[in-house]
């Protein structure tokens, strides 16, 4: 999932069927990253995974 450019992800959660993520403006020395958010069942089995991709505007 591509995050809007120059936004840094700082929190992610699932609520039912919906994925919610919180961002903040990135500081000038920030380096974009890929962040993995993984859901596990109560049995320890992966139920789903989302990869959040941050980027700089104009790059």
PDB file of N, CA and C in Angstrom:
ATOM      1  N   UNK A   1       0.856  -1.155   0.000  1.00  0.00           N
ATOM      2  CA  UNK A   1       0.000   0.000   0.000  1.00  0.00           C
ATOM      3  C   UNK A   1       0.909   1.227   0.000  1.00  0.00           C
ATOM      4  N   UNK A   2       0.704   2.121  -0.955  1.00  0.00           N
ATOM      5  CA  UNK A   2       1.520   3.325  -1.069  1.00  0.00           C
ATOM      6  C   UNK A   2       0.951   4.416  -0.158  1.00  0.00           C
ATOM      7  N   UNK A   3       1.790   4.944   0.717  1.00  0.00           N
ATOM      8  CA  UNK A   3       1.416   6.038   1.618  1.00  0.00           C
ATOM      9  C   UNK A   3       1.642   7.356   0.876  1.00  0.00           C
ATOM     10  N   UNK A   4       0.808   8.381   1.080  1.00  0.00           N
ATOM     11  CA  UNK A   4       1.050   9.666   0.418  1.00  0.00           C
ATOM     12  C   UNK A   4       2.485  10.153   0.673  1.00  0.00           C
ATOM     13  N   UNK A   5       3.080  10.753  -0.349  1.00  0.00           N
ATOM     14  CA  UNK A   5       4.486  11.162  -0.244  1.00  0.00           C
ATOM     15  C   UNK A   5       4.700  12.168   0.887  1.00  0.00           C
ATOM     16  N   UNK A   6       5.906  12.109   1.442  1.00  0.00           N
ATOM     17  CA  UNK A   6       6.345  12.955   2.553  1.00  0.00           C
ATOM     18  C   UNK A   6       5.511  12.777   3.822  1.00  0.00           C
ATOM     19  N   UNK A   7       4.893  11.601   3.968  1.00  0.00           N
ATOM     20  CA  UNK A   7       4.159  11.253   5.183  1.00  0.00           C
ATOM     21  C   UNK A   7       4.822  10.042   5.825  1.00  0.00           C
ATOM     22  N   UNK A   8       5.070  10.117   7.120  1.00  0.00           N
ATOM     23  CA  UNK A   8       5.724   9.057   7.882  1.00  0.00           C
ATOM     24  C   UNK A   8       4.667   8.308   8.697  1.00  0.00           C
ATOM     25  N   UNK A   9       4.585   6.987   8.517  1.00  0.00           N
ATOM     26  CA  UNK A   9       3.630   6.152   9.258  1.00  0.00           C
ATOM     27  C   UNK A   9       4.126   5.979  10.689  1.00  0.00           C
ATOM     28  N   UNK A  10       3.226   6.198  11.677  1.00  0.00           N
ATOM     29  CA  UNK A  10       3.631   5.958  13.065  1.00  0.00           C
ATOM     30  C   UNK A  10       2.691   5.029  13.817  1.00  0.00           C
ATOM     31  N   UNK A  11       1.555   4.651  13.221  1.00  0.00           N
ATOM     32  CA  UNK A  11       0.662   3.705  13.893  1.00  0.00           C
ATOM     33  C   UNK A  11      -0.244   3.052  12.865  1.00  0.00           C
ATOM     34  N   UNK A  12      -0.564   1.773  13.093  1.00  0.00           N
ATOM     35  CA  UNK A  12      -1.436   1.014  12.201  1.00  0.00           C
ATOM     36  C   UNK A  12      -2.300   0.101  13.055  1.00  0.00           C
ATOM     37  N   UNK A  13      -3.571  -0.081  12.649  1.00  0.00           N
ATOM     38  CA  UNK A  13      -4.438  -1.021  13.356  1.00  0.00           C
ATOM     39  C   UNK A  13      -5.505  -1.544  12.406  1.00  0.00           C
ATOM     40  N   UNK A  14      -6.024  -2.719  12.727  1.00  0.00           N
ATOM     41  CA  UNK A  14      -7.189  -3.265  12.042  1.00  0.00           C
ATOM     42  C   UNK A  14      -8.382  -3.085  12.956  1.00  0.00           C
ATOM     43  N   UNK A  15      -9.492  -2.673  12.401  1.00  0.00           N
ATOM     44  CA  UNK A  15     -10.774  -2.605  13.117  1.00  0.00           C
ATOM     45  C   UNK A  15     -11.783  -3.347  12.252  1.00  0.00           C
ATOM     46  N   UNK A  16     -12.082  -4.579  12.620  1.00  0.00           N
ATOM     47  CA  UNK A  16     -12.988  -5.389  11.810  1.00  0.00           C
ATOM     48  C   UNK A  16     -12.372  -5.647  10.443  1.00  0.00           C
ATOM     49  N   UNK A  17     -13.034  -5.199   9.390  1.00  0.00           N
ATOM     50  CA  UNK A  17     -12.565  -5.384   8.015  1.00  0.00           C
ATOM     51  C   UNK A  17     -11.690  -4.235   7.526  1.00  0.00           C
ATOM     52  N   UNK A  18     -11.531  -3.183   8.329  1.00  0.00           N
ATOM     53  CA  UNK A  18     -10.854  -1.970   7.881  1.00  0.00           C
ATOM     54  C   UNK A  18      -9.441  -1.846   8.440  1.00  0.00           C
ATOM     55  N   UNK A  19      -8.547  -1.311   7.615  1.00  0.00           N
ATOM     56  CA  UNK A  19      -7.181  -1.007   8.025  1.00  0.00           C
ATOM     57  C   UNK A  19      -7.083   0.505   8.215  1.00  0.00           C
ATOM     58  N   UNK A  20      -6.590   0.918   9.367  1.00  0.00           N
ATOM     59  CA  UNK A  20      -6.403   2.341   9.679  1.00  0.00           C
ATOM     60  C   UNK A  20      -4.928   2.586   9.918  1.00  0.00           C
ATOM     61  N   UNK A  21      -4.407   3.681   9.359  1.00  0.00           N
ATOM     62  CA  UNK A  21      -3.020   4.041   9.636  1.00  0.00           C
ATOM     63  C   UNK A  21      -2.934   5.533   9.922  1.00  0.00           C
ATOM     64  N   UNK A  22      -2.000   5.898  10.783  1.00  0.00           N
ATOM     65  CA  UNK A  22      -1.791   7.298  11.158  1.00  0.00           C
ATOM     66  C   UNK A  22      -0.439   7.740  10.611  1.00  0.00           C
ATOM     67  N   UNK A  23      -0.413   8.953  10.064  1.00  0.00           N
ATOM     68  CA  UNK A  23       0.833   9.503   9.529  1.00  0.00           C
ATOM     69  C   UNK A  23       1.077  10.881  10.115  1.00  0.00           C
ATOM     70  N   UNK A  24       2.293  11.336   9.921  1.00  0.00           N
ATOM     71  CA  UNK A  24       2.657  12.699  10.296  1.00  0.00           C
ATOM     72  C   UNK A  24       3.597  13.223   9.218  1.00  0.00           C
ATOM     73  N   UNK A  25       3.695  14.545   9.054  1.00  0.00           N
ATOM     74  CA  UNK A  25       4.631  15.086   8.071  1.00  0.00           C
ATOM     75  C   UNK A  25       6.057  14.623   8.391  1.00  0.00           C
ATOM     76  N   UNK A  26       6.772  14.231   7.365  1.00  0.00           N
ATOM     77  CA  UNK A  26       8.134  13.728   7.557  1.00  0.00           C
ATOM     78  C   UNK A  26       9.115  14.887   7.732  1.00  0.00           C
ATOM     79  N   UNK A  27      10.084  14.747   8.661  1.00  0.00           N
ATOM     80  CA  UNK A  27      11.115  15.781   8.814  1.00  0.00           C
ATOM     81  C   UNK A  27      12.057  15.785   7.600  1.00  0.00           C
ATOM     82  N   UNK A  28      12.816  16.840   7.435  1.00  0.00           N
ATOM     83  CA  UNK A  28      13.671  16.993   6.248  1.00  0.00           C
ATOM     84  C   UNK A  28      14.761  15.922   6.147  1.00  0.00           C
ATOM     85  N   UNK A  29      15.221  15.368   7.261  1.00  0.00           N
ATOM     86  CA  UNK A  29      16.285  14.356   7.224  1.00  0.00           C
ATOM     87  C   UNK A  29      15.751  12.917   7.205  1.00  0.00           C
ATOM     88  N   UNK A  30      14.467  12.751   7.009  1.00  0.00           N
ATOM     89  CA  UNK A  30      13.797  11.451   7.044  1.00  0.00           C
ATOM     90  C   UNK A  30      14.116  10.612   5.812  1.00  0.00           C
ATOM     91  N   UNK A  31      14.261   9.312   6.009  1.00  0.00           N
ATOM     92  CA  UNK A  31      14.462   8.369   4.915  1.00  0.00           C
ATOM     93  C   UNK A  31      13.235   7.454   4.843  1.00  0.00           C
ATOM     94  N   UNK A  32      12.548   7.422   3.696  1.00  0.00           N
ATOM     95  CA  UNK A  32      11.369   6.564   3.543  1.00  0.00           C
ATOM     96  C   UNK A  32      11.705   5.091   3.798  1.00  0.00           C
ATOM     97  N   UNK A  33      10.702   4.340   4.221  1.00  0.00           N
ATOM     98  CA  UNK A  33      10.896   2.917   4.527  1.00  0.00           C
ATOM     99  C   UNK A  33       9.657   2.123   4.126  1.00  0.00           C
ATOM    100  N   UNK A  34       9.825   0.809   4.069  1.00  0.00           N
ATOM    101  CA  UNK A  34       8.688  -0.095   3.940  1.00  0.00           C
ATOM    102  C   UNK A  34       8.418  -0.652   5.325  1.00  0.00           C
ATOM    103  N   UNK A  35       7.153  -0.636   5.728  1.00  0.00           N
ATOM    104  CA  UNK A  35       6.782  -1.146   7.051  1.00  0.00           C
ATOM    105  C   UNK A  35       5.768  -2.266   6.881  1.00  0.00           C
ATOM    106  N   UNK A  36       6.020  -3.381   7.560  1.00  0.00           N
ATOM    107  CA  UNK A  36       5.127  -4.542   7.479  1.00  0.00           C
ATOM    108  C   UNK A  36       4.239  -4.589   8.711  1.00  0.00           C
ATOM    109  N   UNK A  37       2.953  -4.793   8.471  1.00  0.00           N
ATOM    110  CA  UNK A  37       1.978  -4.938   9.546  1.00  0.00           C
ATOM    111  C   UNK A  37       1.351  -6.309   9.365  1.00  0.00           C
ATOM    112  N   UNK A  38       1.528  -7.194  10.340  1.00  0.00           N
ATOM    113  CA  UNK A  38       1.092  -8.579  10.230  1.00  0.00           C
ATOM    114  C   UNK A  38       0.076  -8.900  11.311  1.00  0.00           C
ATOM    115  N   UNK A  39      -0.996  -9.577  10.912  1.00  0.00           N
ATOM    116  CA  UNK A  39      -2.025 -10.013  11.856  1.00  0.00           C
ATOM    117  C   UNK A  39      -1.840 -11.505  12.118  1.00  0.00           C
ATOM    118  N   UNK A  40      -1.827 -11.894  13.385  1.00  0.00           N
ATOM    119  CA  UNK A  40      -1.728 -13.299  13.775  1.00  0.00           C
ATOM    120  C   UNK A  40      -3.027 -13.726  14.449  1.00  0.00           C
ATOM    121  N   UNK A  41      -3.425 -14.981  14.207  1.00  0.00           N
ATOM    122  CA  UNK A  41      -4.591 -15.523  14.903  1.00  0.00           C
ATOM    123  C   UNK A  41      -4.190 -15.903  16.322  1.00  0.00           C
ATOM    124  N   UNK A  42      -5.158 -16.289  17.116  1.00  0.00           N
ATOM    125  CA  UNK A  42      -4.868 -16.719  18.489  1.00  0.00           C
ATOM    126  C   UNK A  42      -4.063 -18.019  18.512  1.00  0.00           C
ATOM    127  N   UNK A  43      -3.980 -18.709  17.364  1.00  0.00           N
ATOM    128  CA  UNK A  43      -3.196 -19.939  17.258  1.00  0.00           C
ATOM    129  C   UNK A  43      -1.775 -19.672  16.766  1.00  0.00           C
ATOM    130  N   UNK A  44      -1.415 -18.401  16.560  1.00  0.00           N
ATOM    131  CA  UNK A  44      -0.070 -18.055  16.111  1.00  0.00           C
ATOM    132  C   UNK A  44       0.135 -18.166  14.609  1.00  0.00           C
ATOM    133  N   UNK A  45      -0.943 -18.300  13.855  1.00  0.00           N
ATOM    134  CA  UNK A  45      -0.870 -18.420  12.404  1.00  0.00           C
ATOM    135  C   UNK A  45      -1.081 -17.041  11.784  1.00  0.00           C
ATOM    136  N   UNK A  46      -0.276 -16.717  10.762  1.00  0.00           N
ATOM    137  CA  UNK A  46      -0.450 -15.429  10.084  1.00  0.00           C
ATOM    138  C   UNK A  46      -1.789 -15.426   9.363  1.00  0.00           C
ATOM    139  N   UNK A  47      -2.609 -14.414   9.626  1.00  0.00           N
ATOM    140  CA  UNK A  47      -3.910 -14.267   8.981  1.00  0.00           C
ATOM    141  C   UNK A  47      -3.823 -13.307   7.800  1.00  0.00           C
ATOM    142  N   UNK A  48      -2.950 -12.317   7.897  1.00  0.00           N
ATOM    143  CA  UNK A  48      -2.815 -11.343   6.823  1.00  0.00           C
ATOM    144  C   UNK A  48      -1.612 -10.455   7.052  1.00  0.00           C
ATOM    145  N   UNK A  49      -1.159  -9.828   5.971  1.00  0.00           N
ATOM    146  CA  UNK A  49      -0.019  -8.927   6.070  1.00  0.00           C
ATOM    147  C   UNK A  49      -0.207  -7.793   5.074  1.00  0.00           C
ATOM    148  N   UNK A  50       0.130  -6.588   5.505  1.00  0.00           N
ATOM    149  CA  UNK A  50       0.080  -5.409   4.649  1.00  0.00           C
ATOM    150  C   UNK A  50       1.454  -4.763   4.691  1.00  0.00           C
ATOM    151  N   UNK A  51       1.957  -4.364   3.524  1.00  0.00           N
ATOM    152  CA  UNK A  51       3.227  -3.646   3.444  1.00  0.00           C
ATOM    153  C   UNK A  51       2.908  -2.195   3.110  1.00  0.00           C
ATOM    154  N   UNK A  52       3.330  -1.289   3.985  1.00  0.00           N
ATOM    155  CA  UNK A  52       3.122   0.144   3.785  1.00  0.00           C
ATOM    156  C   UNK A  52       4.420   0.730   3.242  1.00  0.00           C
ATOM    157  N   UNK A  53       4.345   1.422   2.106  1.00  0.00           N
ATOM    158  CA  UNK A  53       5.531   1.970   1.458  1.00  0.00           C
ATOM    159  C   UNK A  53       5.497   3.488   1.519  1.00  0.00           C
ATOM    160  N   UNK A  54       6.475   4.056   2.207  1.00  0.00           N
ATOM    161  CA  UNK A  54       6.603   5.510   2.312  1.00  0.00           C
ATOM    162  C   UNK A  54       7.467   6.013   1.150  1.00  0.00           C
ATOM    163  N   UNK A  55       7.331   7.302   0.807  1.00  0.00           N
ATOM    164  CA  UNK A  55       8.139   7.875  -0.271  1.00  0.00           C
ATOM    165  C   UNK A  55       8.280   9.382  -0.094  1.00  0.00           C
ATOM    166  N   UNK A  56       9.256   9.924  -0.781  1.00  0.00           N
ATOM    167  CA  UNK A  56       9.454  11.371  -0.847  1.00  0.00           C
ATOM    168  C   UNK A  56       8.717  11.893  -2.074  1.00  0.00           C
ATOM    169  N   UNK A  57       8.143  13.084  -1.999  1.00  0.00           N
ATOM    170  CA  UNK A  57       7.516  13.705  -3.167  1.00  0.00           C
ATOM    171  C   UNK A  57       8.602  14.027  -4.197  1.00  0.00           C
ATOM    172  N   UNK A  58       8.311  13.770  -5.444  1.00  0.00           N
ATOM    173  CA  UNK A  58       9.250  14.081  -6.512  1.00  0.00           C
ATOM    174  C   UNK A  58      10.390  13.099  -6.662  1.00  0.00           C
ATOM    175  N   UNK A  59      10.316  11.940  -5.989  1.00  0.00           N
ATOM    176  CA  UNK A  59      11.412  10.967  -6.163  1.00  0.00           C
ATOM    177  C   UNK A  59      10.900   9.676  -6.740  1.00  0.00           C
TER     178      UNK A  59
END
